[in-house]
């Protein structure tokens, strides 16, 4: 994902900060922790509590890009490729992101 620019939409529920904000990629992304509609599945969202902040959410998203989390998967096929053929996974993601960013 190096060199890619991502646009995110963060939507705050009326009961924020008790409930986590919803974060969605508006830019196309191929990632095991992101769905085709841009939704993300993150530990920080699943374990949200009122002491967490938007900064915590954004740090988790950056971390997700650097270190995909096979325990919070939205794209099962990509997660399987990541676990079994890491180099092929990385090449597939690189090619997809190159097409999307050009």
N, C-alpha and C. Protein backbone atom coordinates (compact mmCIF):
# COMPACT_ATOMS: atom_id res chain seq x y z
N UNK A 1 0.82 -1.20 0.00
CA UNK A 1 0.00 0.00 0.00
C UNK A 1 0.86 1.25 0.00
N UNK A 2 2.17 1.06 -0.02
CA UNK A 2 3.09 2.19 -0.03
C UNK A 2 2.83 3.06 -1.25
N UNK A 3 2.73 4.34 -1.02
CA UNK A 3 2.51 5.29 -2.09
C UNK A 3 1.05 5.51 -2.44
N UNK A 4 0.16 4.72 -1.87
CA UNK A 4 -1.27 4.88 -2.15
C UNK A 4 -1.86 5.96 -1.25
N UNK A 5 -2.83 6.65 -1.78
CA UNK A 5 -3.58 7.63 -1.00
C UNK A 5 -4.99 7.10 -0.85
N UNK A 6 -5.44 7.00 0.39
CA UNK A 6 -6.76 6.46 0.68
C UNK A 6 -7.66 7.55 1.25
N UNK A 7 -8.89 7.54 0.80
CA UNK A 7 -9.91 8.42 1.35
C UNK A 7 -10.82 7.56 2.21
N UNK A 8 -11.11 8.05 3.41
CA UNK A 8 -11.96 7.33 4.35
C UNK A 8 -13.16 8.19 4.71
N UNK A 9 -14.24 7.52 5.01
CA UNK A 9 -15.40 8.21 5.58
C UNK A 9 -15.58 7.65 6.99
N UNK A 10 -15.58 8.55 7.94
CA UNK A 10 -15.80 8.17 9.33
C UNK A 10 -17.14 8.75 9.74
N UNK A 11 -18.06 7.88 10.14
CA UNK A 11 -19.41 8.29 10.54
C UNK A 11 -19.56 8.05 12.04
N UNK A 12 -19.98 9.08 12.73
CA UNK A 12 -20.11 9.00 14.18
C UNK A 12 -21.56 8.75 14.57
N UNK A 13 -21.80 7.70 15.35
CA UNK A 13 -23.16 7.46 15.83
C UNK A 13 -23.54 8.53 16.87
N UNK A 14 -24.80 8.73 17.07
CA UNK A 14 -25.25 9.74 18.03
C UNK A 14 -24.76 9.43 19.44
N UNK A 15 -24.48 8.18 19.72
CA UNK A 15 -24.01 7.80 21.06
C UNK A 15 -22.49 7.71 21.17
N UNK A 16 -21.76 8.28 20.18
CA UNK A 16 -20.30 8.35 20.28
C UNK A 16 -19.96 9.21 21.50
N UNK A 17 -19.03 8.87 22.33
CA UNK A 17 -17.99 7.86 22.16
C UNK A 17 -18.32 6.48 22.75
N UNK A 18 -19.53 6.29 23.23
CA UNK A 18 -19.87 4.97 23.78
C UNK A 18 -19.86 3.90 22.69
N UNK A 19 -20.29 4.26 21.48
CA UNK A 19 -20.23 3.35 20.34
C UNK A 19 -19.16 3.80 19.37
N UNK A 20 -18.54 2.84 18.71
CA UNK A 20 -17.45 3.14 17.77
C UNK A 20 -17.97 3.86 16.53
N UNK A 21 -17.16 4.75 15.98
CA UNK A 21 -17.52 5.32 14.69
C UNK A 21 -17.39 4.24 13.61
N UNK A 22 -18.13 4.40 12.54
CA UNK A 22 -18.00 3.48 11.40
C UNK A 22 -16.99 4.09 10.45
N UNK A 23 -16.06 3.27 10.01
CA UNK A 23 -15.02 3.73 9.10
C UNK A 23 -15.13 2.93 7.81
N UNK A 24 -15.08 3.65 6.69
CA UNK A 24 -15.22 3.00 5.39
C UNK A 24 -14.23 3.63 4.40
N UNK A 25 -13.53 2.77 3.66
CA UNK A 25 -12.66 3.26 2.59
C UNK A 25 -13.54 3.74 1.45
N UNK A 26 -13.29 4.95 0.98
CA UNK A 26 -13.99 5.47 -0.18
C UNK A 26 -13.17 5.20 -1.44
N UNK A 27 -11.91 4.88 -1.24
CA UNK A 27 -10.98 4.52 -2.30
C UNK A 27 -10.97 3.00 -2.41
N UNK A 28 -10.90 2.47 -3.62
CA UNK A 28 -10.81 1.02 -3.79
C UNK A 28 -9.58 0.49 -3.06
N UNK A 29 -9.78 -0.64 -2.40
CA UNK A 29 -8.67 -1.29 -1.69
C UNK A 29 -8.88 -2.80 -1.73
N UNK A 30 -7.79 -3.52 -1.89
CA UNK A 30 -7.81 -4.98 -1.81
C UNK A 30 -7.05 -5.34 -0.55
N UNK A 31 -7.78 -5.78 0.46
CA UNK A 31 -7.17 -6.07 1.76
C UNK A 31 -8.06 -7.07 2.49
N UNK A 32 -7.45 -8.02 3.18
CA UNK A 32 -8.23 -9.05 3.86
C UNK A 32 -9.12 -8.49 4.97
N UNK A 33 -8.77 -7.33 5.51
CA UNK A 33 -9.57 -6.73 6.58
C UNK A 33 -10.54 -5.67 6.07
N UNK A 34 -10.71 -5.59 4.74
CA UNK A 34 -11.64 -4.63 4.14
C UNK A 34 -12.58 -5.37 3.21
N UNK A 35 -13.84 -4.96 3.23
CA UNK A 35 -14.84 -5.56 2.36
C UNK A 35 -14.91 -4.82 1.03
N UNK A 36 -15.59 -5.41 0.08
CA UNK A 36 -15.74 -4.81 -1.24
C UNK A 36 -16.42 -3.46 -1.22
N UNK A 37 -17.22 -3.21 -0.20
CA UNK A 37 -17.91 -1.92 -0.09
C UNK A 37 -17.12 -0.92 0.74
N UNK A 38 -15.89 -1.27 1.10
CA UNK A 38 -15.02 -0.36 1.83
C UNK A 38 -15.06 -0.49 3.34
N UNK A 39 -15.95 -1.33 3.85
CA UNK A 39 -16.00 -1.50 5.31
C UNK A 39 -14.71 -2.13 5.81
N UNK A 40 -14.39 -1.88 7.05
CA UNK A 40 -13.20 -2.48 7.64
C UNK A 40 -13.58 -3.27 8.88
N UNK A 41 -12.82 -4.32 9.12
CA UNK A 41 -13.03 -5.13 10.32
C UNK A 41 -11.75 -5.03 11.15
N UNK A 42 -11.89 -4.39 12.30
CA UNK A 42 -10.73 -4.12 13.15
C UNK A 42 -11.01 -4.51 14.59
N UNK A 43 -9.98 -4.97 15.26
CA UNK A 43 -10.09 -5.32 16.67
C UNK A 43 -10.53 -4.11 17.50
N UNK A 44 -9.97 -2.93 17.20
CA UNK A 44 -10.30 -1.74 17.98
C UNK A 44 -11.79 -1.40 17.90
N UNK A 45 -12.42 -1.68 16.77
CA UNK A 45 -13.85 -1.40 16.62
C UNK A 45 -14.65 -2.44 17.39
N UNK A 46 -14.25 -3.70 17.27
CA UNK A 46 -14.97 -4.78 17.95
C UNK A 46 -14.87 -4.66 19.47
N UNK A 47 -13.77 -4.08 19.95
CA UNK A 47 -13.55 -3.96 21.39
C UNK A 47 -13.65 -2.50 21.85
N UNK A 48 -14.43 -1.72 21.14
CA UNK A 48 -14.53 -0.28 21.40
C UNK A 48 -15.05 0.01 22.81
N UNK A 49 -14.50 1.04 23.43
CA UNK A 49 -15.02 1.58 24.69
C UNK A 49 -14.82 3.09 24.66
N UNK A 50 -15.50 3.78 25.52
CA UNK A 50 -15.59 5.24 25.44
C UNK A 50 -14.27 5.98 25.65
N UNK A 51 -13.25 5.32 26.16
CA UNK A 51 -11.95 5.98 26.33
C UNK A 51 -11.16 6.04 25.03
N UNK A 52 -11.57 5.25 24.03
CA UNK A 52 -10.87 5.27 22.75
C UNK A 52 -11.29 6.50 21.95
N UNK A 53 -10.41 6.89 21.02
CA UNK A 53 -10.63 8.10 20.24
C UNK A 53 -10.52 7.82 18.75
N UNK A 54 -10.84 8.82 17.95
CA UNK A 54 -10.69 8.70 16.51
C UNK A 54 -9.22 8.45 16.17
N UNK A 55 -8.33 9.05 16.91
CA UNK A 55 -6.91 8.82 16.69
C UNK A 55 -6.60 7.33 16.83
N UNK A 56 -7.15 6.68 17.85
CA UNK A 56 -6.94 5.24 18.03
C UNK A 56 -7.44 4.46 16.81
N UNK A 57 -8.58 4.86 16.28
CA UNK A 57 -9.15 4.21 15.10
C UNK A 57 -8.23 4.39 13.90
N UNK A 58 -7.75 5.61 13.67
CA UNK A 58 -6.89 5.87 12.52
C UNK A 58 -5.54 5.18 12.65
N UNK A 59 -5.00 5.13 13.85
CA UNK A 59 -3.75 4.38 14.07
C UNK A 59 -3.97 2.90 13.76
N UNK A 60 -5.11 2.36 14.15
CA UNK A 60 -5.42 0.96 13.87
C UNK A 60 -5.53 0.70 12.37
N UNK A 61 -6.07 1.66 11.62
CA UNK A 61 -6.18 1.49 10.17
C UNK A 61 -4.81 1.50 9.52
N UNK A 62 -3.95 2.42 9.93
CA UNK A 62 -2.58 2.44 9.39
C UNK A 62 -1.87 1.14 9.74
N UNK A 63 -2.03 0.68 10.96
CA UNK A 63 -1.43 -0.58 11.39
C UNK A 63 -1.95 -1.75 10.55
N UNK A 64 -3.25 -1.73 10.25
CA UNK A 64 -3.86 -2.78 9.44
C UNK A 64 -3.21 -2.84 8.05
N UNK A 65 -2.88 -1.68 7.50
CA UNK A 65 -2.25 -1.66 6.18
C UNK A 65 -0.86 -2.26 6.22
N UNK A 66 -0.14 -2.02 7.30
CA UNK A 66 1.23 -2.54 7.43
C UNK A 66 1.23 -4.00 7.89
N UNK A 67 0.30 -4.33 8.77
CA UNK A 67 0.24 -5.68 9.36
C UNK A 67 -1.20 -6.21 9.29
N UNK A 68 -1.59 -6.82 8.16
CA UNK A 68 -2.94 -7.38 8.06
C UNK A 68 -3.20 -8.36 9.21
N UNK A 69 -4.43 -8.39 9.68
CA UNK A 69 -4.79 -9.22 10.83
C UNK A 69 -5.68 -10.38 10.39
N UNK A 70 -5.10 -11.59 10.29
CA UNK A 70 -5.87 -12.75 9.84
C UNK A 70 -6.99 -13.17 10.79
N UNK A 71 -7.09 -12.57 11.96
CA UNK A 71 -8.17 -12.93 12.88
C UNK A 71 -9.40 -12.04 12.71
N UNK A 72 -9.32 -11.01 11.86
CA UNK A 72 -10.45 -10.11 11.60
C UNK A 72 -10.62 -9.96 10.09
N UNK A 73 -11.12 -11.00 9.46
CA UNK A 73 -11.12 -11.10 8.00
C UNK A 73 -12.48 -10.78 7.40
N UNK A 74 -12.46 -10.01 6.31
CA UNK A 74 -13.66 -9.80 5.50
C UNK A 74 -13.50 -10.43 4.11
N UNK A 75 -12.26 -10.62 3.65
CA UNK A 75 -12.00 -11.25 2.36
C UNK A 75 -11.28 -12.58 2.62
N UNK A 76 -12.07 -13.64 2.71
CA UNK A 76 -11.54 -14.97 3.06
C UNK A 76 -10.52 -15.48 2.04
N UNK A 77 -10.79 -15.27 0.75
CA UNK A 77 -9.87 -15.75 -0.29
C UNK A 77 -8.51 -15.07 -0.16
N UNK A 78 -8.52 -13.78 0.05
CA UNK A 78 -7.27 -13.05 0.19
C UNK A 78 -6.54 -13.45 1.47
N UNK A 79 -7.28 -13.70 2.53
CA UNK A 79 -6.67 -14.15 3.79
C UNK A 79 -6.01 -15.51 3.62
N UNK A 80 -6.67 -16.40 2.89
CA UNK A 80 -6.09 -17.72 2.64
C UNK A 80 -4.80 -17.58 1.83
N UNK A 81 -4.83 -16.73 0.81
CA UNK A 81 -3.64 -16.50 0.00
C UNK A 81 -2.52 -15.92 0.87
N UNK A 82 -2.85 -15.01 1.75
CA UNK A 82 -1.88 -14.40 2.67
C UNK A 82 -1.22 -15.47 3.54
N UNK A 83 -2.03 -16.40 4.04
CA UNK A 83 -1.51 -17.43 4.95
C UNK A 83 -0.71 -18.51 4.23
N UNK A 84 -1.07 -18.80 2.98
CA UNK A 84 -0.45 -19.94 2.28
C UNK A 84 0.61 -19.54 1.26
N UNK A 85 0.45 -18.39 0.64
CA UNK A 85 1.38 -17.94 -0.41
C UNK A 85 1.59 -16.43 -0.27
N UNK A 86 2.34 -16.03 0.73
CA UNK A 86 2.49 -14.61 1.06
C UNK A 86 3.02 -13.79 -0.12
N UNK A 87 4.01 -14.30 -0.83
CA UNK A 87 4.57 -13.53 -1.95
C UNK A 87 3.52 -13.31 -3.04
N UNK A 88 2.73 -14.33 -3.33
CA UNK A 88 1.67 -14.20 -4.33
C UNK A 88 0.60 -13.20 -3.85
N UNK A 89 0.26 -13.26 -2.57
CA UNK A 89 -0.67 -12.30 -1.98
C UNK A 89 -0.17 -10.87 -2.18
N UNK A 90 1.09 -10.64 -1.81
CA UNK A 90 1.66 -9.29 -1.90
C UNK A 90 1.67 -8.80 -3.35
N UNK A 91 2.01 -9.68 -4.29
CA UNK A 91 2.03 -9.31 -5.71
C UNK A 91 0.62 -8.99 -6.21
N UNK A 92 -0.36 -9.80 -5.82
CA UNK A 92 -1.75 -9.57 -6.22
C UNK A 92 -2.24 -8.22 -5.72
N UNK A 93 -1.96 -7.92 -4.46
CA UNK A 93 -2.37 -6.64 -3.88
C UNK A 93 -1.66 -5.49 -4.59
N UNK A 94 -0.37 -5.63 -4.82
CA UNK A 94 0.41 -4.58 -5.49
C UNK A 94 -0.17 -4.27 -6.87
N UNK A 95 -0.44 -5.31 -7.65
CA UNK A 95 -0.98 -5.12 -9.00
C UNK A 95 -2.35 -4.46 -8.96
N UNK A 96 -3.21 -4.89 -8.04
CA UNK A 96 -4.54 -4.31 -7.91
C UNK A 96 -4.45 -2.83 -7.54
N UNK A 97 -3.62 -2.53 -6.55
CA UNK A 97 -3.50 -1.15 -6.09
C UNK A 97 -2.86 -0.27 -7.16
N UNK A 98 -1.90 -0.81 -7.93
CA UNK A 98 -1.31 -0.04 -9.03
C UNK A 98 -2.37 0.35 -10.04
N UNK A 99 -3.27 -0.60 -10.37
CA UNK A 99 -4.35 -0.30 -11.33
C UNK A 99 -5.30 0.75 -10.76
N UNK A 100 -5.62 0.64 -9.50
CA UNK A 100 -6.57 1.58 -8.87
C UNK A 100 -5.99 2.98 -8.73
N UNK A 101 -4.70 3.08 -8.53
CA UNK A 101 -4.09 4.38 -8.28
C UNK A 101 -3.65 5.09 -9.57
N UNK A 102 -3.72 4.37 -10.70
CA UNK A 102 -3.26 5.01 -11.95
C UNK A 102 -4.39 5.71 -12.67
